[in-house]
C-alpha atoms as a PDB file:
ATOM      1  CA  UNK A   1       0.000   0.000   0.000  1.00  0.00           C
ATOM      2  CA  UNK A   2       1.407   3.368  -0.970  1.00  0.00           C
ATOM      3  CA  UNK A   3       1.767   6.253   1.434  1.00  0.00           C
ATOM      4  CA  UNK A   4      -0.858   8.225  -0.489  1.00  0.00           C
ATOM      5  CA  UNK A   5      -3.370   5.377  -0.253  1.00  0.00           C
ATOM      6  CA  UNK A   6      -2.589   4.929   3.446  1.00  0.00           C
ATOM      7  CA  UNK A   7      -3.107   8.656   4.014  1.00  0.00           C
ATOM      8  CA  UNK A   8      -6.396   8.464   2.129  1.00  0.00           C
ATOM      9  CA  UNK A   9      -7.582   5.502   4.217  1.00  0.00           C
ATOM     10  CA  UNK A  10      -6.620   7.266   7.438  1.00  0.00           C
ATOM     11  CA  UNK A  11      -8.393  10.449   6.272  1.00  0.00           C
ATOM     12  CA  UNK A  12     -11.594   8.553   5.511  1.00  0.00           C
ATOM     13  CA  UNK A  13     -11.604   6.490   8.723  1.00  0.00           C
ATOM     14  CA  UNK A  14      -9.907   8.503  11.443  1.00  0.00           C
ATOM     15  CA  UNK A  15     -10.993  12.007  10.443  1.00  0.00           C
ATOM     16  CA  UNK A  16     -14.116  11.600   8.345  1.00  0.00           C
ATOM     17  CA  UNK A  17     -16.131   8.570   7.319  1.00  0.00           C
ATOM     18  CA  UNK A  18     -17.517   8.738   3.814  1.00  0.00           C
ATOM     19  CA  UNK A  19     -21.338   8.506   3.951  1.00  0.00           C
ATOM     20  CA  UNK A  20     -22.858   5.252   2.869  1.00  0.00           C
ATOM     21  CA  UNK A  21     -26.114   4.745   0.938  1.00  0.00           C
ATOM     22  CA  UNK A  22     -28.289   5.208   4.041  1.00  0.00           C
ATOM     23  CA  UNK A  23     -26.450   8.345   5.122  1.00  0.00           C
ATOM     24  CA  UNK A  24     -26.712   9.828   1.622  1.00  0.00           C
ATOM     25  CA  UNK A  25     -30.453   9.168   1.545  1.00  0.00           C
ATOM     26  CA  UNK A  26     -30.773  10.713   5.006  1.00  0.00           C
ATOM     27  CA  UNK A  27     -28.826  13.796   3.957  1.00  0.00           C
ATOM     28  CA  UNK A  28     -30.963  14.103   0.839  1.00  0.00           C
ATOM     29  CA  UNK A  29     -34.083  13.916   2.975  1.00  0.00           C
ATOM     30  CA  UNK A  30     -32.709  16.615   5.306  1.00  0.00           C
ATOM     31  CA  UNK A  31     -32.001  18.831   2.317  1.00  0.00           C
ATOM     32  CA  UNK A  32     -35.499  18.370   0.889  1.00  0.00           C
ATOM     33  CA  UNK A  33     -37.151  19.067   4.251  1.00  0.00           C
ATOM     34  CA  UNK A  34     -35.027  22.188   4.807  1.00  0.00           C
ATOM     35  CA  UNK A  35     -35.855  23.485   1.330  1.00  0.00           C
ATOM     36  CA  UNK A  36     -39.571  22.889   1.860  1.00  0.00           C
ATOM     37  CA  UNK A  37     -39.469  24.685   5.234  1.00  0.00           C
ATOM     38  CA  UNK A  38     -37.625  27.693   3.777  1.00  0.00           C
ATOM     39  CA  UNK A  39     -40.005  27.888   0.812  1.00  0.00           C
ATOM     40  CA  UNK A  40     -42.946  27.621   3.221  1.00  0.00           C
ATOM     41  CA  UNK A  41     -41.629  30.538   5.262  1.00  0.00           C
ATOM     42  CA  UNK A  42     -41.166  32.633   2.132  1.00  0.00           C
ATOM     43  CA  UNK A  43     -44.700  31.840   0.949  1.00  0.00           C
ATOM     44  CA  UNK A  44     -46.076  32.701   4.410  1.00  0.00           C
ATOM     45  CA  UNK A  45     -44.231  36.025   4.496  1.00  0.00           C
ATOM     46  CA  UNK A  46     -45.375  36.895   0.971  1.00  0.00           C
ATOM     47  CA  UNK A  47     -48.967  36.003   1.850  1.00  0.00           C
ATOM     48  CA  UNK A  48     -48.815  38.334   4.852  1.00  0.00           C
ATOM     49  CA  UNK A  49     -47.477  41.129   2.640  1.00  0.00           C
ATOM     50  CA  UNK A  50     -50.251  40.565   0.101  1.00  0.00           C
ATOM     51  CA  UNK A  51     -52.924  40.375   2.823  1.00  0.00           C
ATOM     52  CA  UNK A  52     -51.791  43.726   4.220  1.00  0.00           C
ATOM     53  CA  UNK A  53     -51.797  45.248   0.694  1.00  0.00           C
ATOM     54  CA  UNK A  54     -48.075  45.989   0.692  1.00  0.00           C
ATOM     55  CA  UNK A  55     -47.785  45.435  -3.058  1.00  0.00           C
ATOM     56  CA  UNK A  56     -50.597  47.753  -4.088  1.00  0.00           C
ATOM     57  CA  UNK A  57     -49.705  50.397  -6.652  1.00  0.00           C
ATOM     58  CA  UNK A  58     -50.331  53.307  -4.291  1.00  0.00           C
ATOM     59  CA  UNK A  59     -47.555  52.177  -1.918  1.00  0.00           C
ATOM     60  CA  UNK A  60     -44.991  51.801  -4.711  1.00  0.00           C
ATOM     61  CA  UNK A  61     -46.000  54.925  -6.615  1.00  0.00           C
ATOM     62  CA  UNK A  62     -43.588  57.286  -4.759  1.00  0.00           C
ATOM     63  CA  UNK A  63     -40.525  55.588  -6.242  1.00  0.00           C
ATOM     64  CA  UNK A  64     -41.649  56.574  -9.737  1.00  0.00           C
ATOM     65  CA  UNK A  65     -41.423  60.292  -8.948  1.00  0.00           C
ATOM     66  CA  UNK A  66     -38.256  62.174  -9.743  1.00  0.00           C
ATOM     67  CA  UNK A  67     -38.385  64.124  -6.466  1.00  0.00           C
ATOM     68  CA  UNK A  68     -38.454  60.906  -4.411  1.00  0.00           C
ATOM     69  CA  UNK A  69     -35.603  59.441  -6.444  1.00  0.00           C
ATOM     70  CA  UNK A  70     -33.535  62.578  -5.893  1.00  0.00           C
ATOM     71  CA  UNK A  71     -34.295  62.405  -2.161  1.00  0.00           C
ATOM     72  CA  UNK A  72     -33.060  58.808  -1.996  1.00  0.00           C
ATOM     73  CA  UNK A  73     -29.953  59.578  -4.056  1.00  0.00           C
ATOM     74  CA  UNK A  74     -29.157  62.566  -1.862  1.00  0.00           C
ATOM     75  CA  UNK A  75     -29.549  60.410   1.248  1.00  0.00           C
ATOM     76  CA  UNK A  76     -27.334  57.721  -0.259  1.00  0.00           C
ATOM     77  CA  UNK A  77     -24.695  60.316  -1.104  1.00  0.00           C
ATOM     78  CA  UNK A  78     -24.783  61.664   2.460  1.00  0.00           C
ATOM     79  CA  UNK A  79     -24.410  58.122   3.806  1.00  0.00           C
ATOM     80  CA  UNK A  80     -21.376  57.481   1.632  1.00  0.00           C
ATOM     81  CA  UNK A  81     -19.901  60.849   2.597  1.00  0.00           C
ATOM     82  CA  UNK A  82     -20.229  60.138   6.318  1.00  0.00           C
ATOM     83  CA  UNK A  83     -18.793  56.652   5.797  1.00  0.00           C
ATOM     84  CA  UNK A  84     -15.834  57.986   3.800  1.00  0.00           C
ATOM     85  CA  UNK A  85     -14.935  60.508   6.488  1.00  0.00           C
ATOM     86  CA  UNK A  86     -15.468  58.049   9.327  1.00  0.00           C
ATOM     87  CA  UNK A  87     -13.521  55.206   7.697  1.00  0.00           C
ATOM     88  CA  UNK A  88     -10.462  57.331   6.867  1.00  0.00           C
ATOM     89  CA  UNK A  89     -10.387  59.007  10.269  1.00  0.00           C
ATOM     90  CA  UNK A  90     -10.964  55.664  12.036  1.00  0.00           C
ATOM     91  CA  UNK A  91      -8.004  54.103  10.253  1.00  0.00           C
ATOM     92  CA  UNK A  92      -5.801  57.070  11.158  1.00  0.00           C
ATOM     93  CA  UNK A  93      -6.954  57.103  14.785  1.00  0.00           C
ATOM     94  CA  UNK A  94      -6.568  53.341  15.018  1.00  0.00           C
ATOM     95  CA  UNK A  95      -2.996  53.525  13.733  1.00  0.00           C
ATOM     96  CA  UNK A  96      -2.125  56.306  16.194  1.00  0.00           C
ATOM     97  CA  UNK A  97      -3.661  54.525  19.187  1.00  0.00           C
ATOM     98  CA  UNK A  98      -2.064  51.216  18.187  1.00  0.00           C
ATOM     99  CA  UNK A  99       1.341  52.912  17.978  1.00  0.00           C
ATOM    100  CA  UNK A 100       0.745  54.364  21.422  1.00  0.00           C
ATOM    101  CA  UNK A 101      -0.232  51.002  22.884  1.00  0.00           C
ATOM    102  CA  UNK A 102       2.846  49.371  21.366  1.00  0.00           C
ATOM    103  CA  UNK A 103       5.157  52.104  22.671  1.00  0.00           C
ATOM    104  CA  UNK A 104       7.736  51.278  25.315  1.00  0.00           C
ATOM    105  CA  UNK A 105       7.100  54.622  27.045  1.00  0.00           C
ATOM    106  CA  UNK A 106       4.404  54.601  29.704  1.00  0.00           C
ATOM    107  CA  UNK A 107       3.572  58.238  29.048  1.00  0.00           C
ATOM    108  CA  UNK A 108       2.326  57.174  25.609  1.00  0.00           C
ATOM    109  CA  UNK A 109       1.135  53.634  26.333  1.00  0.00           C
ATOM    110  CA  UNK A 110      -1.162  54.371  29.288  1.00  0.00           C
ATOM    111  CA  UNK A 111      -3.173  57.246  27.724  1.00  0.00           C
ATOM    112  CA  UNK A 112      -3.568  55.238  24.513  1.00  0.00           C
ATOM    113  CA  UNK A 113      -4.769  52.208  26.481  1.00  0.00           C
ATOM    114  CA  UNK A 114      -7.227  54.355  28.440  1.00  0.00           C
ATOM    115  CA  UNK A 115      -8.663  55.861  25.257  1.00  0.00           C
ATOM    116  CA  UNK A 116      -9.026  52.487  23.562  1.00  0.00           C
ATOM    117  CA  UNK A 117     -10.734  50.800  26.501  1.00  0.00           C
ATOM    118  CA  UNK A 118     -13.036  53.761  27.178  1.00  0.00           C
ATOM    119  CA  UNK A 119     -14.265  54.330  23.634  1.00  0.00           C
ATOM    120  CA  UNK A 120     -14.610  50.603  22.938  1.00  0.00           C
ATOM    121  CA  UNK A 121     -16.869  50.207  25.962  1.00  0.00           C
ATOM    122  CA  UNK A 122     -18.957  53.313  25.234  1.00  0.00           C
ATOM    123  CA  UNK A 123     -22.033  52.722  23.013  1.00  0.00           C
ATOM    124  CA  UNK A 124     -21.583  54.532  19.735  1.00  0.00           C
ATOM    125  CA  UNK A 125     -25.092  56.013  19.888  1.00  0.00           C
ATOM    126  CA  UNK A 126     -24.356  57.563  23.285  1.00  0.00           C
ATOM    127  CA  UNK A 127     -21.204  59.189  21.917  1.00  0.00           C
ATOM    128  CA  UNK A 128     -23.054  60.553  18.885  1.00  0.00           C
ATOM    129  CA  UNK A 129     -25.817  62.004  21.052  1.00  0.00           C
ATOM    130  CA  UNK A 130     -23.339  63.488  23.537  1.00  0.00           C
ATOM    131  CA  UNK A 131     -21.350  65.209  20.798  1.00  0.00           C
ATOM    132  CA  UNK A 132     -24.512  66.429  19.056  1.00  0.00           C
ATOM    133  CA  UNK A 133     -26.449  67.616  22.127  1.00  0.00           C
ATOM    134  CA  UNK A 134     -23.882  68.465  24.805  1.00  0.00           C
ATOM    135  CA  UNK A 135     -21.178  69.876  22.544  1.00  0.00           C
ATOM    136  CA  UNK A 136     -23.703  71.374  20.077  1.00  0.00           C
ATOM    137  CA  UNK A 137     -21.959  70.023  16.998  1.00  0.00           C
ATOM    138  CA  UNK A 138     -23.615  69.855  13.587  1.00  0.00           C
ATOM    139  CA  UNK A 139     -25.153  66.474  12.576  1.00  0.00           C
ATOM    140  CA  UNK A 140     -22.484  65.357  10.101  1.00  0.00           C
ATOM    141  CA  UNK A 141     -19.446  66.138  12.308  1.00  0.00           C
ATOM    142  CA  UNK A 142     -21.226  64.637  15.322  1.00  0.00           C
ATOM    143  CA  UNK A 143     -21.960  61.417  13.439  1.00  0.00           C
ATOM    144  CA  UNK A 144     -18.448  61.178  12.012  1.00  0.00           C
ATOM    145  CA  UNK A 145     -16.840  61.912  15.380  1.00  0.00           C
ATOM    146  CA  UNK A 146     -18.852  59.232  17.175  1.00  0.00           C
ATOM    147  CA  UNK A 147     -18.136  56.638  14.499  1.00  0.00           C
ATOM    148  CA  UNK A 148     -14.451  57.576  14.448  1.00  0.00           C
ATOM    149  CA  UNK A 149     -13.952  57.301  18.203  1.00  0.00           C
ATOM    150  CA  UNK A 150     -15.639  53.896  18.422  1.00  0.00           C
ATOM    151  CA  UNK A 151     -14.329  52.253  15.270  1.00  0.00           C
ATOM    152  CA  UNK A 152     -10.884  53.815  15.674  1.00  0.00           C
ATOM    153  CA  UNK A 153     -10.499  52.243  19.116  1.00  0.00           C
ATOM    154  CA  UNK A 154     -11.575  48.844  17.771  1.00  0.00           C
ATOM    155  CA  UNK A 155      -9.212  49.136  14.816  1.00  0.00           C
ATOM    156  CA  UNK A 156      -6.398  50.063  17.217  1.00  0.00           C
ATOM    157  CA  UNK A 157      -6.782  46.679  18.897  1.00  0.00           C
ATOM    158  CA  UNK A 158      -6.859  44.957  15.522  1.00  0.00           C
ATOM    159  CA  UNK A 159      -3.645  46.695  14.446  1.00  0.00           C
ATOM    160  CA  UNK A 160      -1.948  45.898  17.769  1.00  0.00           C
ATOM    161  CA  UNK A 161      -2.986  42.247  17.559  1.00  0.00           C
ATOM    162  CA  UNK A 162      -1.740  42.056  13.979  1.00  0.00           C
ATOM    163  CA  UNK A 163       1.669  43.509  14.866  1.00  0.00           C
ATOM    164  CA  UNK A 164       2.052  41.145  17.816  1.00  0.00           C
ATOM    165  CA  UNK A 165       1.113  38.185  15.609  1.00  0.00           C
ATOM    166  CA  UNK A 166       4.043  38.766  13.239  1.00  0.00           C
ATOM    167  CA  UNK A 167       6.859  36.289  13.842  1.00  0.00           C
ATOM    168  CA  UNK A 168       9.380  37.672  16.324  1.00  0.00           C
ATOM    169  CA  UNK A 169      12.256  36.792  14.028  1.00  0.00           C
ATOM    170  CA  UNK A 170      11.034  39.347  11.484  1.00  0.00           C
ATOM    171  CA  UNK A 171      11.700  42.250  13.819  1.00  0.00           C
ATOM    172  CA  UNK A 172      14.926  40.764  15.167  1.00  0.00           C
ATOM    173  CA  UNK A 173      16.286  40.306  11.663  1.00  0.00           C
ATOM    174  CA  UNK A 174      15.407  43.900  10.788  1.00  0.00           C
ATOM    175  CA  UNK A 175      17.142  45.212  13.915  1.00  0.00           C
ATOM    176  CA  UNK A 176      20.165  43.065  13.089  1.00  0.00           C
ATOM    177  CA  UNK A 177      20.344  44.740   9.690  1.00  0.00           C
ATOM    178  CA  UNK A 178      20.625  48.123  11.392  1.00  0.00           C
ATOM    179  CA  UNK A 179      17.082  49.369  10.955  1.00  0.00           C
ATOM    180  CA  UNK A 180      15.675  51.750  13.531  1.00  0.00           C
ATOM    181  CA  UNK A 181      12.499  51.012  15.486  1.00  0.00           C
ATOM    182  CA  UNK A 182      10.366  53.326  13.344  1.00  0.00           C
ATOM    183  CA  UNK A 183      11.673  51.695  10.171  1.00  0.00           C
ATOM    184  CA  UNK A 184      11.032  48.212  11.559  1.00  0.00           C
ATOM    185  CA  UNK A 185       7.457  49.142  12.437  1.00  0.00           C
ATOM    186  CA  UNK A 186       6.580  50.924   9.189  1.00  0.00           C
ATOM    187  CA  UNK A 187       8.521  48.749   6.727  1.00  0.00           C
ATOM    188  CA  UNK A 188       8.423  45.264   8.262  1.00  0.00           C
ATOM    189  CA  UNK A 189       5.806  44.751  10.963  1.00  0.00           C
ATOM    190  CA  UNK A 190       2.953  47.075   9.964  1.00  0.00           C
ATOM    191  CA  UNK A 191       2.584  45.883   6.329  1.00  0.00           C
ATOM    192  CA  UNK A 192       2.440  42.237   7.398  1.00  0.00           C
ATOM    193  CA  UNK A 193       0.050  43.044  10.253  1.00  0.00           C
ATOM    194  CA  UNK A 194      -2.343  44.929   7.963  1.00  0.00           C
ATOM    195  CA  UNK A 195      -2.270  42.130   5.409  1.00  0.00           C
ATOM    196  CA  UNK A 196      -2.993  39.512   8.081  1.00  0.00           C
ATOM    197  CA  UNK A 197      -5.809  41.527   9.668  1.00  0.00           C
ATOM    198  CA  UNK A 198      -7.332  42.832   6.421  1.00  0.00           C
ATOM    199  CA  UNK A 199     -10.553  40.741   6.651  1.00  0.00           C
ATOM    200  CA  UNK A 200     -11.136  41.922  10.223  1.00  0.00           C
ATOM    201  CA  UNK A 201     -10.404  45.536   9.248  1.00  0.00           C
ATOM    202  CA  UNK A 202     -12.904  45.401   6.378  1.00  0.00           C
ATOM    203  CA  UNK A 203     -15.470  43.789   8.695  1.00  0.00           C
ATOM    204  CA  UNK A 204     -15.098  46.704  11.088  1.00  0.00           C
ATOM    205  CA  UNK A 205     -15.519  49.166   8.231  1.00  0.00           C
ATOM    206  CA  UNK A 206     -18.738  47.349   7.328  1.00  0.00           C
ATOM    207  CA  UNK A 207     -19.890  47.998  10.909  1.00  0.00           C
ATOM    208  CA  UNK A 208     -19.072  51.682  10.427  1.00  0.00           C
ATOM    209  CA  UNK A 209     -21.060  51.729   7.189  1.00  0.00           C
ATOM    210  CA  UNK A 210     -24.126  50.247   8.866  1.00  0.00           C
ATOM    211  CA  UNK A 211     -23.803  52.563  11.865  1.00  0.00           C
ATOM    212  CA  UNK A 212     -24.103  55.597   9.601  1.00  0.00           C
ATOM    213  CA  UNK A 213     -27.842  54.856   9.735  1.00  0.00           C
ATOM    214  CA  UNK A 214     -27.781  56.192  13.312  1.00  0.00           C
ATOM    215  CA  UNK A 215     -27.467  59.633  11.782  1.00  0.00           C
ATOM    216  CA  UNK A 216     -31.230  59.875  11.260  1.00  0.00           C
ATOM    217  CA  UNK A 217     -31.636  60.053  15.064  1.00  0.00           C
ATOM    218  CA  UNK A 218     -29.777  63.397  15.070  1.00  0.00           C
ATOM    219  CA  UNK A 219     -31.583  64.666  11.942  1.00  0.00           C
ATOM    220  CA  UNK A 220     -28.691  63.941   9.579  1.00  0.00           C
ATOM    221  CA  UNK A 221     -30.242  63.507   6.139  1.00  0.00           C
ATOM    222  CA  UNK A 222     -28.714  60.156   5.248  1.00  0.00           C
ATOM    223  CA  UNK A 223     -30.231  57.206   3.373  1.00  0.00           C
ATOM    224  CA  UNK A 224     -32.354  55.845   6.227  1.00  0.00           C
ATOM    225  CA  UNK A 225     -33.597  59.342   7.058  1.00  0.00           C
ATOM    226  CA  UNK A 226     -34.785  59.727   3.467  1.00  0.00           C
ATOM    227  CA  UNK A 227     -36.547  56.372   3.678  1.00  0.00           C
ATOM    228  CA  UNK A 228     -38.211  57.396   6.931  1.00  0.00           C
ATOM    229  CA  UNK A 229     -39.592  60.535   5.297  1.00  0.00           C
ATOM    230  CA  UNK A 230     -41.087  58.470   2.473  1.00  0.00           C
ATOM    231  CA  UNK A 231     -42.473  55.772   4.782  1.00  0.00           C
ATOM    232  CA  UNK A 232     -44.300  58.337   6.918  1.00  0.00           C
ATOM    233  CA  UNK A 233     -46.118  59.905   3.949  1.00  0.00           C
ATOM    234  CA  UNK A 234     -49.888  59.589   4.334  1.00  0.00           C
ATOM    235  CA  UNK A 235     -50.491  60.437   0.668  1.00  0.00           C
ATOM    236  CA  UNK A 236     -49.038  57.042  -0.287  1.00  0.00           C
ATOM    237  CA  UNK A 237     -50.727  55.020   2.479  1.00  0.00           C
ATOM    238  CA  UNK A 238     -47.593  54.792   4.688  1.00  0.00           C
ATOM    239  CA  UNK A 239     -45.381  52.651   2.385  1.00  0.00           C
ATOM    240  CA  UNK A 240     -43.173  51.308   5.179  1.00  0.00           C
ATOM    241  CA  UNK A 241     -42.605  47.794   3.800  1.00  0.00           C
ATOM    242  CA  UNK A 242     -41.848  49.003   0.241  1.00  0.00           C
ATOM    243  CA  UNK A 243     -39.293  51.439   1.656  1.00  0.00           C
ATOM    244  CA  UNK A 244     -37.643  48.614   3.589  1.00  0.00           C
ATOM    245  CA  UNK A 245     -37.604  46.428   0.485  1.00  0.00           C
ATOM    246  CA  UNK A 246     -35.906  49.227  -1.468  1.00  0.00           C
ATOM    247  CA  UNK A 247     -33.401  50.421   1.147  1.00  0.00           C
ATOM    248  CA  UNK A 248     -32.296  47.057   2.589  1.00  0.00           C
ATOM    249  CA  UNK A 249     -30.821  45.672  -0.668  1.00  0.00           C
ATOM    250  CA  UNK A 250     -28.814  48.870  -1.100  1.00  0.00           C
ATOM    251  CA  UNK A 251     -27.218  48.516   2.346  1.00  0.00           C
ATOM    252  CA  UNK A 252     -26.621  44.801   1.747  1.00  0.00           C
ATOM    253  CA  UNK A 253     -25.089  45.553  -1.649  1.00  0.00           C
ATOM    254  CA  UNK A 254     -22.691  48.128  -0.203  1.00  0.00           C
ATOM    255  CA  UNK A 255     -21.582  45.729   2.541  1.00  0.00           C
ATOM    256  CA  UNK A 256     -21.084  42.945  -0.003  1.00  0.00           C
ATOM    257  CA  UNK A 257     -19.069  45.334  -2.189  1.00  0.00           C
ATOM    258  CA  UNK A 258     -16.743  46.040   0.741  1.00  0.00           C
ATOM    259  CA  UNK A 259     -16.342  42.323   1.403  1.00  0.00           C
ATOM    260  CA  UNK A 260     -15.611  41.703  -2.284  1.00  0.00           C
ATOM    261  CA  UNK A 261     -13.032  44.491  -2.224  1.00  0.00           C
ATOM    262  CA  UNK A 262     -11.316  42.875   0.769  1.00  0.00           C
ATOM    263  CA  UNK A 263     -11.194  39.532  -1.028  1.00  0.00           C
ATOM    264  CA  UNK A 264      -9.805  41.171  -4.169  1.00  0.00           C
ATOM    265  CA  UNK A 265      -7.091  42.986  -2.228  1.00  0.00           C
ATOM    266  CA  UNK A 266      -6.139  39.802  -0.367  1.00  0.00           C
ATOM    267  CA  UNK A 267      -5.803  37.851  -3.632  1.00  0.00           C
ATOM    268  CA  UNK A 268      -3.813  40.646  -5.211  1.00  0.00           C
ATOM    269  CA  UNK A 269      -1.469  40.727  -2.229  1.00  0.00           C
ATOM    270  CA  UNK A 270      -0.919  36.966  -2.430  1.00  0.00           C
ATOM    271  CA  UNK A 271      -0.010  37.251  -6.123  1.00  0.00           C
ATOM    272  CA  UNK A 272       2.274  40.249  -5.621  1.00  0.00           C
ATOM    273  CA  UNK A 273       6.027  39.506  -5.905  1.00  0.00           C
ATOM    274  CA  UNK A 274       6.691  41.927  -3.044  1.00  0.00           C
ATOM    275  CA  UNK A 275       4.295  40.008  -0.828  1.00  0.00           C
ATOM    276  CA  UNK A 276       5.977  36.727  -1.643  1.00  0.00           C
ATOM    277  CA  UNK A 277       9.343  38.231  -0.827  1.00  0.00           C
ATOM    278  CA  UNK A 278       8.109  39.416   2.553  1.00  0.00           C
ATOM    279  CA  UNK A 279       6.609  36.038   3.381  1.00  0.00           C
ATOM    280  CA  UNK A 280       9.968  34.296   3.015  1.00  0.00           C
ATOM    281  CA  UNK A 281      11.421  33.489   6.417  1.00  0.00           C
ATOM    282  CA  UNK A 282      14.366  35.794   7.185  1.00  0.00           C
ATOM    283  CA  UNK A 283      17.838  34.575   7.934  1.00  0.00           C
ATOM    284  CA  UNK A 284      18.805  34.148  11.544  1.00  0.00           C
ATOM    285  CA  UNK A 285      20.422  37.322  12.912  1.00  0.00           C
ATOM    286  CA  UNK A 286      23.171  35.409  14.690  1.00  0.00           C
ATOM    287  CA  UNK A 287      25.771  35.383  11.905  1.00  0.00           C
ATOM    288  CA  UNK A 288      25.161  39.088  11.146  1.00  0.00           C
ATOM    289  CA  UNK A 289      26.276  40.237  14.570  1.00  0.00           C
ATOM    290  CA  UNK A 290      29.681  38.773  15.419  1.00  0.00           C
ATOM    291  CA  UNK A 291      30.312  37.685  18.939  1.00  0.00           C
ATOM    292  CA  UNK A 292      26.756  36.615  19.706  1.00  0.00           C
END
């Protein structure tokens, strides 16, 4: 018996047993039952929507008007604007706080740690309301500031975790080559940390994108605020469900676009010659420094 065949037998017996005829029939039955249940739920939900006249022409008529379309587009643009500001500022704040937490100086490390722990524990809605009401800031800056403080503190922990996850020999080899601490962090550790934590970073940016909807609570005219104005219109018989069915796919599409972008960047990084060069294990620093 060859080693490959032995490995295959061990894989099918010790780790996973291939399903037999009975198991395959049972799995097929489970799949059919699950499909029937899901289809039943969809039919039930659609029947409720039809019974409550959610698909009548009067409820969907607003979306045919140019003024309503412009209102939705304006709200979508305001949402993307708030997200752009908040995402850039969150990344910058996260990098600064992560650098402070990784510092060897207590005067930098302790304040950075305090900021991260405080703003991570504080609900983002409370921060937005405090900035808007107590500090009397305009809606857009208040929303961006609240999102930045919360997401920046979370990103700081992601950056710090990513830097600490890089193999210790990477930094030691860089120091052995005569690089200074700032050069080691910016040229060796930080790029690898960002690449390793990229899915988590994008996931946090998705959270920031969804949290922009909190802006309607402080009268910021974003996408959800525009939908709320349409849904509360008596002239169109309060088209709440149609508004949800229009707005939800847009939010889902934007979040999926961010996830796709993260996947594309990760694949591009893996194919990059520079990335492959960085991933190669560095030489031991012992021979570089005589006498050690």
